[in-house]
Amino acid sequence: MGTLSFDFKADMDDIFLDSGFEEDITYTPDGESALSIKAIVDRDRLDETVEGASRLNIYKYQIIISKTDVPNAVSEGDEVVITVGDSTETLRVAGILEDDLGAYRLGLR
């Protein structure tokens, strides 16, 4: 029987952020240069028709990004630019919701 192994960073980049649901964002760590990266953007936080949204709306959006795309640790206050309709919206990281081996999940306001 073979050994099953995982490389969480590579799996995040090669599978999850290459699934067709990702989108381009601009991530600017505080005091550093802007990075063009891929992210999963969750826009359902303020939609009351989405089950559970009312308890999750502390953040305007949530994103999931790969740790390989952001070489240094993320922090609250970092700037994120996402596309909303035909324009862009500039937000700040307001919470680091998850920090695992391959990705960050961030709350934006």
C-alpha atoms as a PDB file:
ATOM      1  CA  MET A   1       0.000   0.000   0.000  1.00  0.00           C
ATOM      2  CA  GLY A   2       1.391   3.430  -0.992  1.00  0.00           C
ATOM      3  CA  THR A   3       1.876   6.374   1.271  1.00  0.00           C
ATOM      4  CA  LEU A   4      -0.509   9.291   0.979  1.00  0.00           C
ATOM      5  CA  SER A   5       1.158  12.656   1.395  1.00  0.00           C
ATOM      6  CA  PHE A   6      -0.023  16.228   1.220  1.00  0.00           C
ATOM      7  CA  ASP A   7       1.757  19.454   0.416  1.00  0.00           C
ATOM      8  CA  PHE A   8      -0.773  21.983   1.647  1.00  0.00           C
ATOM      9  CA  LYS A   9       0.851  24.990  -0.044  1.00  0.00           C
ATOM     10  CA  ALA A  10       1.142  23.235  -3.413  1.00  0.00           C
ATOM     11  CA  ASP A  11      -2.377  21.781  -3.120  1.00  0.00           C
ATOM     12  CA  MET A  12      -3.759  25.235  -2.362  1.00  0.00           C
ATOM     13  CA  ASP A  13      -2.065  26.714  -5.421  1.00  0.00           C
ATOM     14  CA  ASP A  14      -2.553  23.834  -7.861  1.00  0.00           C
ATOM     15  CA  ILE A  15      -6.059  22.701  -6.942  1.00  0.00           C
ATOM     16  CA  PHE A  16      -8.087  25.125  -4.882  1.00  0.00           C
ATOM     17  CA  LEU A  17      -6.909  28.384  -6.487  1.00  0.00           C
ATOM     18  CA  ASP A  18      -6.954  26.864  -9.959  1.00  0.00           C
ATOM     19  CA  SER A  19     -10.535  25.606  -9.878  1.00  0.00           C
ATOM     20  CA  GLY A  20     -12.193  28.316 -11.969  1.00  0.00           C
ATOM     21  CA  PHE A  21     -13.752  30.054  -8.953  1.00  0.00           C
ATOM     22  CA  GLU A  22     -10.716  32.152  -8.134  1.00  0.00           C
ATOM     23  CA  GLU A  23     -10.353  35.770  -9.184  1.00  0.00           C
ATOM     24  CA  ASP A  24      -7.547  38.277  -9.455  1.00  0.00           C
ATOM     25  CA  ILE A  25      -7.115  40.712  -6.570  1.00  0.00           C
ATOM     26  CA  THR A  26      -4.450  43.168  -5.508  1.00  0.00           C
ATOM     27  CA  TYR A  27      -3.005  42.580  -2.047  1.00  0.00           C
ATOM     28  CA  THR A  28      -0.779  45.216  -0.468  1.00  0.00           C
ATOM     29  CA  PRO A  29       0.895  44.285   2.806  1.00  0.00           C
ATOM     30  CA  ASP A  30       1.345  47.324   5.049  1.00  0.00           C
ATOM     31  CA  GLY A  31       4.487  49.188   3.984  1.00  0.00           C
ATOM     32  CA  GLU A  32       5.231  46.877   1.046  1.00  0.00           C
ATOM     33  CA  SER A  33       4.585  46.740  -2.699  1.00  0.00           C
ATOM     34  CA  ALA A  34       1.274  45.630  -4.168  1.00  0.00           C
ATOM     35  CA  LEU A  35       0.939  41.973  -5.233  1.00  0.00           C
ATOM     36  CA  SER A  36      -1.374  40.663  -7.956  1.00  0.00           C
ATOM     37  CA  ILE A  37      -2.650  37.329  -6.641  1.00  0.00           C
ATOM     38  CA  LYS A  38      -5.556  34.868  -6.916  1.00  0.00           C
ATOM     39  CA  ALA A  39      -8.238  34.606  -4.240  1.00  0.00           C
ATOM     40  CA  ILE A  40     -11.568  33.020  -3.517  1.00  0.00           C
ATOM     41  CA  VAL A  41     -13.856  35.960  -2.670  1.00  0.00           C
ATOM     42  CA  ASP A  42     -16.952  35.340  -0.551  1.00  0.00           C
ATOM     43  CA  ARG A  43     -19.453  38.111  -1.204  1.00  0.00           C
ATOM     44  CA  ASP A  44     -22.434  36.467   0.563  1.00  0.00           C
ATOM     45  CA  ARG A  45     -21.681  37.951   3.979  1.00  0.00           C
ATOM     46  CA  LEU A  46     -24.253  40.756   3.719  1.00  0.00           C
ATOM     47  CA  ASP A  47     -26.921  38.901   1.758  1.00  0.00           C
ATOM     48  CA  GLU A  48     -29.683  38.111   4.247  1.00  0.00           C
ATOM     49  CA  THR A  49     -31.111  35.520   1.832  1.00  0.00           C
ATOM     50  CA  VAL A  50     -28.019  33.351   2.419  1.00  0.00           C
ATOM     51  CA  GLU A  51     -28.542  31.029   5.358  1.00  0.00           C
ATOM     52  CA  GLY A  52     -26.477  32.160   8.319  1.00  0.00           C
ATOM     53  CA  ALA A  53     -25.444  35.459   6.715  1.00  0.00           C
ATOM     54  CA  SER A  54     -26.846  37.621   9.500  1.00  0.00           C
ATOM     55  CA  ARG A  55     -24.420  36.153  12.023  1.00  0.00           C
ATOM     56  CA  LEU A  56     -21.477  36.432   9.641  1.00  0.00           C
ATOM     57  CA  ASN A  57     -21.836  40.017   8.468  1.00  0.00           C
ATOM     58  CA  ILE A  58     -19.176  41.481  10.727  1.00  0.00           C
ATOM     59  CA  TYR A  59     -16.996  41.552   7.581  1.00  0.00           C
ATOM     60  CA  LYS A  60     -18.084  42.992   4.263  1.00  0.00           C
ATOM     61  CA  TYR A  61     -16.273  40.200   2.386  1.00  0.00           C
ATOM     62  CA  GLN A  62     -14.053  37.258   3.181  1.00  0.00           C
ATOM     63  CA  ILE A  63     -11.199  36.012   1.012  1.00  0.00           C
ATOM     64  CA  ILE A  64      -9.019  32.928   0.954  1.00  0.00           C
ATOM     65  CA  ILE A  65      -5.483  33.397  -0.340  1.00  0.00           C
ATOM     66  CA  SER A  66      -2.476  31.120  -0.671  1.00  0.00           C
ATOM     67  CA  LYS A  67       0.457  31.556   1.682  1.00  0.00           C
ATOM     68  CA  THR A  68       2.835  31.202  -1.278  1.00  0.00           C
ATOM     69  CA  ASP A  69       1.358  34.357  -2.834  1.00  0.00           C
ATOM     70  CA  VAL A  70       2.050  36.503   0.233  1.00  0.00           C
ATOM     71  CA  PRO A  71       5.652  35.843   1.272  1.00  0.00           C
ATOM     72  CA  ASN A  72       5.400  37.609   4.636  1.00  0.00           C
ATOM     73  CA  ALA A  73       2.687  37.141   7.239  1.00  0.00           C
ATOM     74  CA  VAL A  74      -0.540  39.008   6.612  1.00  0.00           C
ATOM     75  CA  SER A  75      -1.732  41.523   9.155  1.00  0.00           C
ATOM     76  CA  GLU A  76      -4.782  43.576   9.960  1.00  0.00           C
ATOM     77  CA  GLY A  77      -4.714  46.811   8.009  1.00  0.00           C
ATOM     78  CA  ASP A  78      -3.245  45.305   4.833  1.00  0.00           C
ATOM     79  CA  GLU A  79      -5.025  46.665   1.740  1.00  0.00           C
ATOM     80  CA  VAL A  80      -7.052  44.502  -0.653  1.00  0.00           C
ATOM     81  CA  VAL A  81      -8.557  45.631  -3.955  1.00  0.00           C
ATOM     82  CA  ILE A  82     -11.301  43.440  -5.442  1.00  0.00           C
ATOM     83  CA  THR A  83     -13.586  43.792  -8.431  1.00  0.00           C
ATOM     84  CA  VAL A  84     -17.214  44.578  -7.677  1.00  0.00           C
ATOM     85  CA  GLY A  85     -19.331  44.699 -10.810  1.00  0.00           C
ATOM     86  CA  ASP A  86     -17.629  47.012 -13.295  1.00  0.00           C
ATOM     87  CA  SER A  87     -15.485  48.802 -10.720  1.00  0.00           C
ATOM     88  CA  THR A  88     -13.049  48.038  -7.934  1.00  0.00           C
ATOM     89  CA  GLU A  89     -13.374  48.384  -4.193  1.00  0.00           C
ATOM     90  CA  THR A  90     -10.507  48.999  -1.795  1.00  0.00           C
ATOM     91  CA  LEU A  91     -10.822  47.328   1.604  1.00  0.00           C
ATOM     92  CA  ARG A  92      -8.647  46.560   4.610  1.00  0.00           C
ATOM     93  CA  VAL A  93      -7.964  43.264   6.350  1.00  0.00           C
ATOM     94  CA  ALA A  94     -10.056  43.526   9.508  1.00  0.00           C
ATOM     95  CA  GLY A  95      -9.554  39.994  10.806  1.00  0.00           C
ATOM     96  CA  ILE A  96      -7.404  36.919  10.237  1.00  0.00           C
ATOM     97  CA  LEU A  97     -10.019  34.188  10.493  1.00  0.00           C
ATOM     98  CA  GLU A  98      -7.875  31.174   9.612  1.00  0.00           C
ATOM     99  CA  ASP A  99      -4.151  30.656   9.283  1.00  0.00           C
ATOM    100  CA  ASP A 100      -3.294  27.104   8.279  1.00  0.00           C
ATOM    101  CA  LEU A 101      -0.402  25.432   6.470  1.00  0.00           C
ATOM    102  CA  GLY A 102      -1.487  26.511   2.991  1.00  0.00           C
ATOM    103  CA  ALA A 103      -3.808  29.491   3.208  1.00  0.00           C
ATOM    104  CA  TYR A 104      -5.195  32.489   5.011  1.00  0.00           C
ATOM    105  CA  ARG A 105      -8.871  33.276   5.367  1.00  0.00           C
ATOM    106  CA  LEU A 106      -9.308  37.002   5.903  1.00  0.00           C
ATOM    107  CA  GLY A 107     -12.245  39.205   6.836  1.00  0.00           C
ATOM    108  CA  LEU A 108     -12.389  42.514   4.962  1.00  0.00           C
ATOM    109  CA  ARG A 109     -14.023  45.863   5.725  1.00  0.00           C
END
